[in-house]
N, C-alpha and C. Protein backbone atom coordinates (compact mmCIF):
# COMPACT_ATOMS: atom_id res chain seq x y z
N UNK A 1 -45.14 -93.07 48.05
CA UNK A 1 -44.21 -92.66 47.01
C UNK A 1 -44.86 -91.54 46.19
N UNK A 2 -44.11 -90.48 46.02
CA UNK A 2 -44.60 -89.35 45.23
C UNK A 2 -44.37 -89.59 43.75
N UNK A 3 -45.36 -89.19 42.96
CA UNK A 3 -45.20 -89.27 41.51
C UNK A 3 -44.51 -88.01 41.02
N UNK A 4 -44.18 -87.99 39.72
CA UNK A 4 -43.51 -86.81 39.18
C UNK A 4 -44.44 -85.60 39.27
N UNK A 5 -43.83 -84.42 39.43
CA UNK A 5 -44.61 -83.18 39.51
C UNK A 5 -43.91 -82.16 40.37
N UNK A 6 -44.60 -81.03 40.60
CA UNK A 6 -44.07 -79.94 41.41
C UNK A 6 -44.72 -79.99 42.80
N UNK A 7 -43.91 -79.79 43.83
CA UNK A 7 -44.39 -79.90 45.20
C UNK A 7 -43.87 -78.72 46.04
N UNK A 8 -44.56 -78.47 47.16
CA UNK A 8 -44.13 -77.47 48.13
C UNK A 8 -43.98 -78.15 49.48
N UNK A 9 -42.81 -77.97 50.08
CA UNK A 9 -42.50 -78.59 51.36
C UNK A 9 -42.56 -77.53 52.47
N UNK A 10 -43.33 -77.83 53.54
CA UNK A 10 -43.43 -76.92 54.69
C UNK A 10 -42.67 -77.51 55.87
N UNK A 11 -41.87 -76.67 56.48
CA UNK A 11 -41.07 -77.09 57.64
C UNK A 11 -41.39 -76.14 58.79
N UNK A 12 -41.70 -76.73 59.93
CA UNK A 12 -41.99 -75.92 61.12
C UNK A 12 -40.93 -76.19 62.18
N UNK A 13 -40.37 -75.10 62.72
CA UNK A 13 -39.34 -75.23 63.74
C UNK A 13 -39.98 -75.45 65.10
N UNK A 14 -39.15 -75.66 66.12
CA UNK A 14 -39.67 -75.90 67.47
C UNK A 14 -40.32 -74.67 68.07
N UNK A 15 -39.92 -73.52 67.56
CA UNK A 15 -40.57 -72.30 68.07
C UNK A 15 -41.67 -71.83 67.13
N UNK A 16 -42.20 -72.76 66.35
CA UNK A 16 -43.38 -72.56 65.52
C UNK A 16 -43.17 -71.62 64.32
N UNK A 17 -41.94 -71.43 63.92
CA UNK A 17 -41.68 -70.71 62.66
C UNK A 17 -41.87 -71.69 61.50
N UNK A 18 -42.48 -71.20 60.43
CA UNK A 18 -42.78 -72.06 59.29
C UNK A 18 -42.05 -71.56 58.04
N UNK A 19 -41.44 -72.50 57.34
CA UNK A 19 -40.76 -72.19 56.09
C UNK A 19 -41.30 -73.13 55.00
N UNK A 20 -41.28 -72.65 53.79
CA UNK A 20 -41.73 -73.49 52.67
C UNK A 20 -40.65 -73.54 51.60
N UNK A 21 -40.58 -74.69 50.93
CA UNK A 21 -39.60 -74.92 49.86
C UNK A 21 -40.32 -75.56 48.69
N UNK A 22 -40.05 -75.03 47.53
CA UNK A 22 -40.60 -75.62 46.30
C UNK A 22 -39.60 -76.63 45.72
N UNK A 23 -40.09 -77.78 45.28
CA UNK A 23 -39.20 -78.77 44.63
C UNK A 23 -40.00 -79.56 43.60
N UNK A 24 -39.27 -80.21 42.71
CA UNK A 24 -39.90 -80.99 41.63
C UNK A 24 -39.34 -82.39 41.61
N UNK A 25 -40.18 -83.32 41.26
CA UNK A 25 -39.75 -84.71 41.03
C UNK A 25 -39.86 -84.97 39.54
N UNK A 26 -38.73 -85.32 38.95
CA UNK A 26 -38.67 -85.57 37.50
C UNK A 26 -38.57 -87.07 37.26
N UNK A 27 -39.40 -87.56 36.39
CA UNK A 27 -39.37 -88.98 36.07
C UNK A 27 -38.14 -89.27 35.21
N UNK A 28 -37.32 -90.26 35.58
CA UNK A 28 -36.12 -90.56 34.79
C UNK A 28 -36.49 -91.06 33.39
N UNK A 29 -35.54 -90.86 32.46
CA UNK A 29 -35.75 -91.33 31.10
C UNK A 29 -35.95 -92.85 31.09
N UNK A 30 -36.82 -93.29 30.21
CA UNK A 30 -37.05 -94.72 30.08
C UNK A 30 -35.80 -95.41 29.52
N UNK A 31 -35.44 -96.53 30.12
CA UNK A 31 -34.28 -97.28 29.66
C UNK A 31 -34.56 -97.89 28.29
N UNK A 32 -33.65 -97.67 27.35
CA UNK A 32 -33.86 -98.26 26.03
C UNK A 32 -32.63 -99.04 25.60
N UNK A 33 -32.83 -99.96 24.68
CA UNK A 33 -31.76 -100.80 24.13
C UNK A 33 -32.06 -101.05 22.66
N UNK A 34 -31.06 -100.85 21.82
CA UNK A 34 -31.21 -101.09 20.39
C UNK A 34 -30.03 -101.92 19.91
N UNK A 35 -30.31 -103.11 19.37
CA UNK A 35 -29.30 -103.93 18.72
C UNK A 35 -29.30 -103.64 17.22
N UNK A 36 -28.21 -103.95 16.52
CA UNK A 36 -28.16 -103.69 15.08
C UNK A 36 -29.23 -104.45 14.31
N UNK A 37 -29.46 -104.02 13.07
CA UNK A 37 -30.38 -104.73 12.19
C UNK A 37 -29.87 -106.15 11.95
N UNK A 38 -30.79 -107.04 11.57
CA UNK A 38 -30.41 -108.41 11.23
C UNK A 38 -29.36 -108.39 10.11
N UNK A 39 -28.43 -109.33 10.19
CA UNK A 39 -27.32 -109.35 9.23
C UNK A 39 -27.10 -110.75 8.68
N UNK A 40 -26.44 -110.80 7.50
CA UNK A 40 -26.01 -112.06 6.89
C UNK A 40 -24.50 -112.01 6.73
N UNK A 41 -23.82 -113.07 7.16
CA UNK A 41 -22.37 -113.15 7.02
C UNK A 41 -21.99 -114.53 6.50
N UNK A 42 -20.80 -114.64 5.95
CA UNK A 42 -20.28 -115.93 5.51
C UNK A 42 -19.78 -116.72 6.72
N UNK A 43 -19.89 -118.02 6.63
CA UNK A 43 -19.33 -118.89 7.65
C UNK A 43 -17.85 -118.58 7.81
N UNK A 44 -17.42 -118.40 9.05
CA UNK A 44 -16.03 -118.07 9.34
C UNK A 44 -15.79 -116.59 9.57
N UNK A 45 -16.74 -115.74 9.15
CA UNK A 45 -16.62 -114.31 9.39
C UNK A 45 -17.22 -113.97 10.76
N UNK A 46 -16.93 -112.78 11.24
CA UNK A 46 -17.46 -112.32 12.52
C UNK A 46 -18.18 -111.00 12.34
N UNK A 47 -18.98 -110.63 13.34
CA UNK A 47 -19.72 -109.38 13.30
C UNK A 47 -19.66 -108.72 14.67
N UNK A 48 -19.42 -107.42 14.66
CA UNK A 48 -19.42 -106.63 15.90
C UNK A 48 -20.86 -106.21 16.19
N UNK A 49 -21.40 -106.66 17.31
CA UNK A 49 -22.77 -106.31 17.70
C UNK A 49 -22.73 -104.96 18.42
N UNK A 50 -22.93 -103.89 17.65
CA UNK A 50 -22.81 -102.52 18.17
C UNK A 50 -24.12 -102.08 18.81
N UNK A 51 -24.41 -102.58 19.99
CA UNK A 51 -25.65 -102.25 20.71
C UNK A 51 -25.57 -100.84 21.27
N UNK A 52 -26.75 -100.21 21.42
CA UNK A 52 -26.83 -98.86 21.96
C UNK A 52 -27.82 -98.83 23.12
N UNK A 53 -27.48 -98.08 24.18
CA UNK A 53 -28.38 -97.91 25.31
C UNK A 53 -28.10 -96.57 25.97
N UNK A 54 -29.03 -96.10 26.77
CA UNK A 54 -28.85 -94.84 27.51
C UNK A 54 -28.56 -95.08 28.99
N UNK A 55 -28.31 -96.34 29.35
CA UNK A 55 -28.10 -96.67 30.76
C UNK A 55 -26.63 -96.79 31.12
N UNK A 56 -26.36 -96.71 32.42
CA UNK A 56 -25.01 -96.90 32.97
C UNK A 56 -25.05 -97.97 34.06
N UNK A 57 -23.89 -98.58 34.30
CA UNK A 57 -23.77 -99.60 35.36
C UNK A 57 -24.86 -100.65 35.23
N UNK A 58 -24.93 -101.26 34.06
CA UNK A 58 -26.01 -102.19 33.74
C UNK A 58 -25.57 -103.64 33.93
N UNK A 59 -26.56 -104.49 34.14
CA UNK A 59 -26.35 -105.93 34.13
C UNK A 59 -26.74 -106.44 32.75
N UNK A 60 -25.81 -107.15 32.09
CA UNK A 60 -26.06 -107.65 30.74
C UNK A 60 -26.29 -109.16 30.78
N UNK A 61 -27.36 -109.61 30.14
CA UNK A 61 -27.63 -111.04 30.05
C UNK A 61 -27.87 -111.37 28.58
N UNK A 62 -26.91 -112.09 27.97
CA UNK A 62 -27.02 -112.52 26.57
C UNK A 62 -27.58 -113.93 26.51
N UNK A 63 -28.34 -114.18 25.46
CA UNK A 63 -28.86 -115.52 25.23
C UNK A 63 -29.01 -115.75 23.72
N UNK A 64 -28.49 -116.88 23.22
CA UNK A 64 -27.62 -117.85 23.91
C UNK A 64 -26.22 -117.26 24.09
N UNK A 65 -25.35 -118.03 24.73
CA UNK A 65 -24.01 -117.56 25.03
C UNK A 65 -22.98 -117.98 23.99
N UNK A 66 -23.43 -118.74 22.99
CA UNK A 66 -22.50 -119.35 22.04
C UNK A 66 -21.83 -118.33 21.14
N UNK A 67 -20.52 -118.51 20.94
CA UNK A 67 -19.72 -117.80 19.94
C UNK A 67 -19.66 -116.29 20.15
N UNK A 68 -19.78 -115.84 21.39
CA UNK A 68 -19.64 -114.43 21.72
C UNK A 68 -18.28 -114.18 22.37
N UNK A 69 -17.67 -113.05 22.05
CA UNK A 69 -16.34 -112.74 22.58
C UNK A 69 -16.38 -112.38 24.07
N UNK A 70 -17.51 -111.86 24.55
CA UNK A 70 -17.66 -111.57 25.97
C UNK A 70 -19.14 -111.66 26.32
N UNK A 71 -19.43 -111.97 27.58
CA UNK A 71 -20.80 -112.23 28.00
C UNK A 71 -21.35 -111.12 28.89
N UNK A 72 -20.49 -110.31 29.49
CA UNK A 72 -20.94 -109.24 30.39
C UNK A 72 -20.56 -107.89 29.82
N UNK A 73 -20.83 -107.70 28.53
CA UNK A 73 -20.51 -106.45 27.87
C UNK A 73 -21.64 -106.07 26.92
N UNK A 74 -21.65 -104.83 26.49
CA UNK A 74 -22.72 -104.33 25.65
C UNK A 74 -22.50 -104.66 24.17
N UNK A 75 -21.24 -104.70 23.74
CA UNK A 75 -20.94 -104.81 22.31
C UNK A 75 -19.93 -105.93 22.04
N UNK A 76 -20.33 -107.18 22.16
CA UNK A 76 -19.41 -108.28 21.88
C UNK A 76 -19.22 -108.49 20.38
N UNK A 77 -18.26 -109.31 20.05
CA UNK A 77 -18.06 -109.77 18.68
C UNK A 77 -18.58 -111.20 18.60
N UNK A 78 -19.41 -111.47 17.60
CA UNK A 78 -19.99 -112.81 17.43
C UNK A 78 -19.39 -113.46 16.20
N UNK A 79 -19.08 -114.76 16.34
CA UNK A 79 -18.57 -115.54 15.21
C UNK A 79 -19.32 -116.87 15.19
N UNK A 80 -20.60 -116.83 14.88
CA UNK A 80 -21.42 -118.05 14.96
C UNK A 80 -21.13 -119.01 13.82
N UNK A 81 -21.36 -120.29 14.10
CA UNK A 81 -21.17 -121.34 13.09
C UNK A 81 -22.48 -121.73 12.43
N UNK A 82 -23.58 -121.15 12.89
CA UNK A 82 -24.88 -121.41 12.28
C UNK A 82 -25.78 -120.20 12.50
N UNK A 83 -26.86 -120.13 11.73
CA UNK A 83 -27.81 -119.03 11.87
C UNK A 83 -28.34 -119.00 13.31
N UNK A 84 -28.41 -117.79 13.88
CA UNK A 84 -28.72 -117.69 15.30
C UNK A 84 -29.41 -116.36 15.59
N UNK A 85 -30.26 -116.34 16.61
CA UNK A 85 -30.87 -115.12 17.11
C UNK A 85 -30.28 -114.83 18.49
N UNK A 86 -29.61 -113.69 18.63
CA UNK A 86 -29.08 -113.27 19.93
C UNK A 86 -30.07 -112.32 20.59
N UNK A 87 -30.31 -112.54 21.89
CA UNK A 87 -31.17 -111.66 22.68
C UNK A 87 -30.34 -111.07 23.82
N UNK A 88 -30.45 -109.75 24.00
CA UNK A 88 -29.77 -109.09 25.11
C UNK A 88 -30.81 -108.47 26.03
N UNK A 89 -30.71 -108.78 27.32
CA UNK A 89 -31.55 -108.17 28.35
C UNK A 89 -30.65 -107.35 29.26
N UNK A 90 -31.02 -106.08 29.49
CA UNK A 90 -30.23 -105.22 30.37
C UNK A 90 -31.09 -104.80 31.56
N UNK A 91 -30.43 -104.65 32.72
CA UNK A 91 -31.12 -104.22 33.93
C UNK A 91 -30.30 -103.13 34.59
N UNK A 92 -30.97 -102.02 34.92
CA UNK A 92 -30.29 -100.90 35.57
C UNK A 92 -30.26 -101.11 37.08
N UNK A 93 -29.53 -100.23 37.78
CA UNK A 93 -29.40 -100.35 39.23
C UNK A 93 -30.73 -100.15 39.95
N UNK A 94 -31.64 -99.38 39.34
CA UNK A 94 -32.95 -99.17 39.98
C UNK A 94 -34.01 -100.15 39.49
N UNK A 95 -33.56 -101.22 38.78
CA UNK A 95 -34.47 -102.29 38.41
C UNK A 95 -35.17 -102.15 37.08
N UNK A 96 -34.88 -101.08 36.34
CA UNK A 96 -35.47 -100.93 35.01
C UNK A 96 -34.83 -101.93 34.05
N UNK A 97 -35.62 -102.44 33.12
CA UNK A 97 -35.11 -103.44 32.17
C UNK A 97 -35.47 -103.05 30.74
N UNK A 98 -34.70 -103.58 29.82
CA UNK A 98 -34.97 -103.41 28.38
C UNK A 98 -34.40 -104.63 27.67
N UNK A 99 -34.95 -104.94 26.51
CA UNK A 99 -34.54 -106.15 25.78
C UNK A 99 -34.66 -105.92 24.28
N UNK A 100 -33.74 -106.51 23.54
CA UNK A 100 -33.82 -106.47 22.07
C UNK A 100 -33.12 -107.72 21.54
N UNK A 101 -33.34 -108.01 20.25
CA UNK A 101 -32.73 -109.20 19.66
C UNK A 101 -32.21 -108.90 18.27
N UNK A 102 -31.36 -109.78 17.78
CA UNK A 102 -30.72 -109.62 16.47
C UNK A 102 -30.53 -110.99 15.84
N UNK A 103 -30.89 -111.10 14.58
CA UNK A 103 -30.71 -112.34 13.82
C UNK A 103 -29.43 -112.24 12.98
N UNK A 104 -28.60 -113.26 13.06
CA UNK A 104 -27.41 -113.36 12.21
C UNK A 104 -27.56 -114.61 11.36
N UNK A 105 -27.71 -114.41 10.07
CA UNK A 105 -27.84 -115.53 9.14
C UNK A 105 -26.45 -115.93 8.64
N UNK A 106 -26.22 -117.24 8.55
CA UNK A 106 -24.93 -117.76 8.10
C UNK A 106 -25.06 -118.29 6.68
N UNK A 107 -24.25 -117.74 5.78
CA UNK A 107 -24.14 -118.24 4.42
C UNK A 107 -22.99 -119.25 4.40
N UNK A 108 -23.33 -120.53 4.30
CA UNK A 108 -22.28 -121.57 4.35
C UNK A 108 -21.95 -122.11 2.97
N UNK A 109 -22.21 -121.34 1.92
CA UNK A 109 -21.78 -121.76 0.59
C UNK A 109 -20.25 -121.79 0.56
N UNK A 110 -19.66 -122.83 -0.02
CA UNK A 110 -18.20 -123.00 0.03
C UNK A 110 -17.47 -121.85 -0.66
N UNK A 111 -16.41 -121.40 -0.01
CA UNK A 111 -15.53 -120.39 -0.62
C UNK A 111 -14.16 -121.04 -0.84
N UNK A 112 -14.13 -121.87 -1.87
CA UNK A 112 -12.92 -122.61 -2.23
C UNK A 112 -12.50 -122.19 -3.64
N UNK A 113 -11.22 -121.94 -3.81
CA UNK A 113 -10.72 -121.44 -5.08
C UNK A 113 -9.64 -122.38 -5.60
N UNK A 114 -9.97 -123.05 -6.70
CA UNK A 114 -9.04 -124.02 -7.29
C UNK A 114 -8.84 -123.61 -8.76
N UNK A 115 -7.61 -123.35 -9.18
CA UNK A 115 -7.38 -122.92 -10.56
C UNK A 115 -7.68 -124.04 -11.55
N UNK A 116 -7.95 -123.67 -12.80
CA UNK A 116 -8.21 -124.67 -13.83
C UNK A 116 -7.01 -124.85 -14.76
N UNK A 117 -5.92 -124.14 -14.46
CA UNK A 117 -4.70 -124.31 -15.25
C UNK A 117 -3.50 -123.93 -14.39
N UNK A 118 -2.38 -124.62 -14.57
CA UNK A 118 -1.13 -124.21 -13.94
C UNK A 118 0.02 -124.58 -14.85
N UNK A 119 1.15 -123.91 -14.64
CA UNK A 119 2.29 -124.07 -15.56
C UNK A 119 3.57 -124.26 -14.76
N UNK A 120 3.89 -125.51 -14.40
CA UNK A 120 5.07 -125.79 -13.57
C UNK A 120 6.38 -125.70 -14.37
N UNK A 121 6.74 -124.48 -14.77
CA UNK A 121 7.96 -124.29 -15.58
C UNK A 121 9.05 -123.56 -14.80
N UNK A 122 8.91 -123.51 -13.47
CA UNK A 122 9.92 -122.93 -12.58
C UNK A 122 10.17 -121.45 -12.82
N UNK A 123 9.16 -120.74 -13.33
CA UNK A 123 9.32 -119.29 -13.50
C UNK A 123 8.82 -118.51 -12.28
N UNK A 124 8.38 -119.24 -11.25
CA UNK A 124 7.92 -118.60 -10.04
C UNK A 124 6.49 -118.12 -10.08
N UNK A 125 5.79 -118.40 -11.16
CA UNK A 125 4.40 -117.96 -11.31
C UNK A 125 3.52 -119.17 -11.61
N UNK A 126 2.59 -119.47 -10.74
CA UNK A 126 1.62 -120.54 -10.98
C UNK A 126 2.30 -121.89 -11.24
N UNK A 127 3.36 -122.14 -10.47
CA UNK A 127 4.13 -123.38 -10.68
C UNK A 127 3.54 -124.58 -9.96
N UNK A 128 2.67 -124.34 -8.99
CA UNK A 128 2.13 -125.42 -8.17
C UNK A 128 0.61 -125.35 -8.20
N UNK A 129 -0.01 -126.53 -8.32
CA UNK A 129 -1.47 -126.64 -8.29
C UNK A 129 -1.89 -126.98 -6.87
N UNK A 130 -2.56 -126.03 -6.19
CA UNK A 130 -2.97 -126.28 -4.81
C UNK A 130 -4.32 -125.61 -4.54
N UNK A 131 -4.89 -125.95 -3.39
CA UNK A 131 -6.25 -125.51 -3.04
C UNK A 131 -6.18 -124.26 -2.18
N UNK A 132 -6.93 -123.26 -2.61
CA UNK A 132 -7.09 -122.03 -1.82
C UNK A 132 -8.50 -122.00 -1.23
N UNK A 133 -8.61 -121.45 -0.04
CA UNK A 133 -9.93 -121.37 0.59
C UNK A 133 -9.96 -120.22 1.57
N UNK A 134 -11.17 -119.84 1.98
CA UNK A 134 -11.34 -118.78 2.95
C UNK A 134 -11.31 -119.37 4.36
N UNK A 135 -11.62 -118.52 5.36
CA UNK A 135 -11.51 -118.96 6.75
C UNK A 135 -12.64 -119.87 7.20
N UNK A 136 -13.54 -120.25 6.28
CA UNK A 136 -14.58 -121.22 6.63
C UNK A 136 -14.11 -122.65 6.50
N UNK A 137 -12.92 -122.86 5.92
CA UNK A 137 -12.38 -124.21 5.74
C UNK A 137 -11.40 -124.53 6.86
N UNK A 138 -11.61 -125.67 7.50
CA UNK A 138 -10.74 -126.10 8.59
C UNK A 138 -9.56 -126.93 8.09
N UNK A 139 -9.84 -127.85 7.14
CA UNK A 139 -8.79 -128.79 6.72
C UNK A 139 -9.16 -129.41 5.39
N UNK A 140 -8.15 -129.70 4.58
CA UNK A 140 -8.32 -130.53 3.39
C UNK A 140 -8.03 -131.96 3.80
N UNK A 141 -9.06 -132.81 3.79
CA UNK A 141 -8.89 -134.18 4.26
C UNK A 141 -8.14 -135.03 3.25
N UNK A 142 -8.52 -134.92 1.98
CA UNK A 142 -7.82 -135.66 0.92
C UNK A 142 -7.76 -134.78 -0.32
N UNK A 143 -6.68 -134.96 -1.09
CA UNK A 143 -6.50 -134.23 -2.34
C UNK A 143 -5.81 -135.20 -3.32
N UNK A 144 -6.59 -135.69 -4.30
CA UNK A 144 -6.09 -136.67 -5.25
C UNK A 144 -6.15 -136.09 -6.67
N UNK A 145 -5.15 -136.44 -7.46
CA UNK A 145 -5.11 -136.01 -8.87
C UNK A 145 -4.86 -137.24 -9.74
N UNK A 146 -5.63 -137.34 -10.81
CA UNK A 146 -5.55 -138.51 -11.70
C UNK A 146 -5.28 -138.06 -13.14
N UNK A 147 -4.57 -138.93 -13.87
CA UNK A 147 -4.40 -138.63 -15.30
C UNK A 147 -5.62 -139.13 -16.07
N UNK A 148 -5.61 -138.99 -17.39
CA UNK A 148 -6.80 -139.30 -18.19
C UNK A 148 -7.10 -140.80 -18.23
N UNK A 149 -6.16 -141.65 -17.82
CA UNK A 149 -6.40 -143.09 -17.75
C UNK A 149 -6.84 -143.53 -16.35
N UNK A 150 -6.97 -142.59 -15.44
CA UNK A 150 -7.43 -142.89 -14.10
C UNK A 150 -6.32 -143.25 -13.12
N UNK A 151 -5.07 -143.10 -13.52
CA UNK A 151 -3.97 -143.41 -12.60
C UNK A 151 -3.74 -142.25 -11.64
N UNK A 152 -3.57 -142.60 -10.37
CA UNK A 152 -3.32 -141.59 -9.34
C UNK A 152 -1.89 -141.07 -9.48
N UNK A 153 -1.75 -139.77 -9.77
CA UNK A 153 -0.43 -139.18 -9.96
C UNK A 153 -0.01 -138.30 -8.77
N UNK A 154 -0.96 -137.99 -7.90
CA UNK A 154 -0.63 -137.15 -6.75
C UNK A 154 -1.63 -137.42 -5.64
N UNK A 155 -1.13 -137.45 -4.39
CA UNK A 155 -2.01 -137.68 -3.24
C UNK A 155 -1.46 -136.93 -2.04
N UNK A 156 -2.32 -136.19 -1.36
CA UNK A 156 -1.96 -135.48 -0.13
C UNK A 156 -3.17 -135.52 0.79
N UNK A 157 -2.92 -135.64 2.10
CA UNK A 157 -4.02 -135.75 3.05
C UNK A 157 -3.77 -134.92 4.30
N UNK A 158 -4.86 -134.44 4.89
CA UNK A 158 -4.87 -133.76 6.19
C UNK A 158 -3.89 -132.59 6.23
N UNK A 159 -4.27 -131.51 5.57
CA UNK A 159 -3.43 -130.32 5.57
C UNK A 159 -4.33 -129.08 5.48
N UNK A 160 -3.76 -127.95 5.82
CA UNK A 160 -4.50 -126.69 5.77
C UNK A 160 -4.52 -126.16 4.33
N UNK A 161 -5.57 -125.43 3.97
CA UNK A 161 -5.62 -124.83 2.63
C UNK A 161 -4.61 -123.69 2.50
N UNK A 162 -4.44 -123.23 1.27
CA UNK A 162 -3.59 -122.06 0.97
C UNK A 162 -2.11 -122.33 1.19
N UNK A 163 -1.72 -123.60 1.09
CA UNK A 163 -0.31 -123.97 1.29
C UNK A 163 0.22 -124.63 0.02
N UNK A 164 1.07 -123.91 -0.68
CA UNK A 164 1.61 -124.45 -1.94
C UNK A 164 2.47 -125.68 -1.71
N UNK A 165 3.03 -125.81 -0.50
CA UNK A 165 3.86 -126.98 -0.20
C UNK A 165 3.05 -128.26 -0.16
N UNK A 166 1.74 -128.15 -0.07
CA UNK A 166 0.88 -129.33 -0.11
C UNK A 166 0.22 -129.51 -1.48
N UNK A 167 0.72 -128.82 -2.47
CA UNK A 167 0.17 -128.92 -3.81
C UNK A 167 1.02 -129.79 -4.72
N UNK A 168 0.58 -129.88 -5.98
CA UNK A 168 1.25 -130.73 -6.97
C UNK A 168 2.14 -129.87 -7.86
N UNK A 169 3.39 -130.34 -8.04
CA UNK A 169 4.34 -129.60 -8.85
C UNK A 169 4.43 -130.11 -10.29
N UNK A 170 3.51 -130.99 -10.68
CA UNK A 170 3.50 -131.47 -12.06
C UNK A 170 4.41 -132.65 -12.33
N UNK A 171 4.92 -133.29 -11.27
CA UNK A 171 5.79 -134.45 -11.45
C UNK A 171 5.10 -135.71 -10.95
N UNK A 172 5.49 -136.84 -11.53
CA UNK A 172 4.97 -138.13 -11.11
C UNK A 172 6.11 -139.13 -11.13
N UNK A 173 6.37 -139.70 -9.95
CA UNK A 173 7.48 -140.64 -9.78
C UNK A 173 8.80 -140.01 -10.22
N UNK A 174 8.93 -138.71 -9.91
CA UNK A 174 10.16 -137.98 -10.22
C UNK A 174 10.26 -137.49 -11.64
N UNK A 175 9.31 -137.87 -12.49
CA UNK A 175 9.36 -137.47 -13.89
C UNK A 175 8.46 -136.26 -14.15
N UNK A 176 8.89 -135.40 -15.06
CA UNK A 176 8.09 -134.24 -15.45
C UNK A 176 6.96 -134.68 -16.37
N UNK A 177 5.73 -134.31 -15.98
CA UNK A 177 4.58 -134.65 -16.80
C UNK A 177 4.41 -133.62 -17.92
N UNK A 178 3.99 -134.11 -19.08
CA UNK A 178 3.76 -133.21 -20.20
C UNK A 178 2.41 -132.52 -20.11
N UNK A 179 2.17 -131.60 -21.03
CA UNK A 179 0.90 -130.88 -21.06
C UNK A 179 -0.26 -131.86 -21.21
N UNK A 180 -1.27 -131.73 -20.35
CA UNK A 180 -2.42 -132.63 -20.38
C UNK A 180 -3.47 -132.11 -19.41
N UNK A 181 -4.65 -132.71 -19.52
CA UNK A 181 -5.72 -132.39 -18.59
C UNK A 181 -5.79 -133.47 -17.53
N UNK A 182 -5.86 -133.08 -16.27
CA UNK A 182 -5.92 -134.01 -15.15
C UNK A 182 -7.20 -133.75 -14.35
N UNK A 183 -7.67 -134.79 -13.69
CA UNK A 183 -8.85 -134.68 -12.85
C UNK A 183 -8.41 -134.64 -11.38
N UNK A 184 -9.08 -133.82 -10.61
CA UNK A 184 -8.78 -133.76 -9.18
C UNK A 184 -10.03 -134.06 -8.36
N UNK A 185 -9.79 -134.52 -7.14
CA UNK A 185 -10.85 -134.89 -6.20
C UNK A 185 -10.37 -134.50 -4.81
N UNK A 186 -11.18 -133.74 -4.09
CA UNK A 186 -10.79 -133.32 -2.75
C UNK A 186 -11.97 -133.42 -1.80
N UNK A 187 -11.69 -133.81 -0.56
CA UNK A 187 -12.69 -133.79 0.52
C UNK A 187 -12.29 -132.67 1.48
N UNK A 188 -13.23 -131.77 1.72
CA UNK A 188 -12.93 -130.56 2.48
C UNK A 188 -13.75 -130.53 3.77
N UNK A 189 -13.08 -130.27 4.90
CA UNK A 189 -13.74 -130.16 6.19
C UNK A 189 -13.91 -128.69 6.54
N UNK A 190 -15.16 -128.28 6.83
CA UNK A 190 -15.45 -126.91 7.19
C UNK A 190 -15.48 -126.75 8.71
N UNK A 191 -15.38 -125.51 9.17
CA UNK A 191 -15.29 -125.27 10.61
C UNK A 191 -16.58 -125.61 11.34
N UNK A 192 -17.70 -125.74 10.62
CA UNK A 192 -18.94 -126.15 11.27
C UNK A 192 -19.14 -127.65 11.27
N UNK A 193 -18.11 -128.41 10.81
CA UNK A 193 -18.16 -129.87 10.85
C UNK A 193 -18.60 -130.52 9.56
N UNK A 194 -19.09 -129.74 8.60
CA UNK A 194 -19.51 -130.31 7.32
C UNK A 194 -18.29 -130.79 6.53
N UNK A 195 -18.51 -131.85 5.74
CA UNK A 195 -17.50 -132.34 4.81
C UNK A 195 -18.11 -132.34 3.42
N UNK A 196 -17.44 -131.69 2.49
CA UNK A 196 -17.93 -131.63 1.12
C UNK A 196 -16.85 -132.10 0.16
N UNK A 197 -17.32 -132.66 -0.96
CA UNK A 197 -16.42 -133.14 -2.00
C UNK A 197 -16.33 -132.07 -3.10
N UNK A 198 -15.11 -131.77 -3.50
CA UNK A 198 -14.86 -130.83 -4.59
C UNK A 198 -14.09 -131.56 -5.67
N UNK A 199 -14.54 -131.48 -6.90
CA UNK A 199 -13.84 -132.16 -7.99
C UNK A 199 -13.96 -131.37 -9.27
N UNK A 200 -13.00 -131.64 -10.19
CA UNK A 200 -12.99 -130.92 -11.45
C UNK A 200 -11.76 -131.30 -12.26
N UNK A 201 -11.44 -130.47 -13.25
CA UNK A 201 -10.30 -130.72 -14.12
C UNK A 201 -9.32 -129.54 -14.05
N UNK A 202 -8.06 -129.85 -14.29
CA UNK A 202 -7.03 -128.82 -14.36
C UNK A 202 -6.13 -129.11 -15.55
N UNK A 203 -5.72 -128.08 -16.24
CA UNK A 203 -4.81 -128.20 -17.39
C UNK A 203 -3.40 -127.94 -16.94
N UNK A 204 -2.51 -128.94 -17.12
CA UNK A 204 -1.08 -128.73 -16.90
C UNK A 204 -0.52 -128.20 -18.21
N UNK A 205 0.05 -127.02 -18.16
CA UNK A 205 0.52 -126.36 -19.38
C UNK A 205 2.01 -126.15 -19.33
N UNK A 206 2.71 -126.71 -20.33
CA UNK A 206 4.16 -126.54 -20.42
C UNK A 206 4.48 -125.42 -21.41
């Protein structure tokens, strides 16, 4: 096997004529691979892994395979449920390889939004007390509301967040409740399987 450099080729014909040809062997560019810098995202969010390489017709091997939109591509979208390090190994048709890795940290702090006051006066604004959450929440397992004497005035179970139809309209046993402070208690299921309790107070304002 010839190494890179300049060479002269001599060819002799059957009648002993000789010709020479100059040629060069150029070493191909080294295969490289660059994955994005390490990133932090909220649970439920996704990240486009914008990898860069100078190769064509490559074999892609990702590790691990979890939560990737595609496994035989250069730039998948990842939506991991926990902190993870992705490694990509690429191989060219002539056997050259390159490898890089990327850390994706998951911030699983709850993104739940519950108002501290509502006014069920049928004006179309803030009439219902309900739970709002981001895409990291899978389900509201229980949602209980109590008056100041500890009596349960509202109960709803197993529903998706951000739905006013699963909230409290300020009535109890068909009667309109007056202005007062109420306590709420909710159990929330996240997409990574965690269950957390959220509780606090809300002011019903007439």
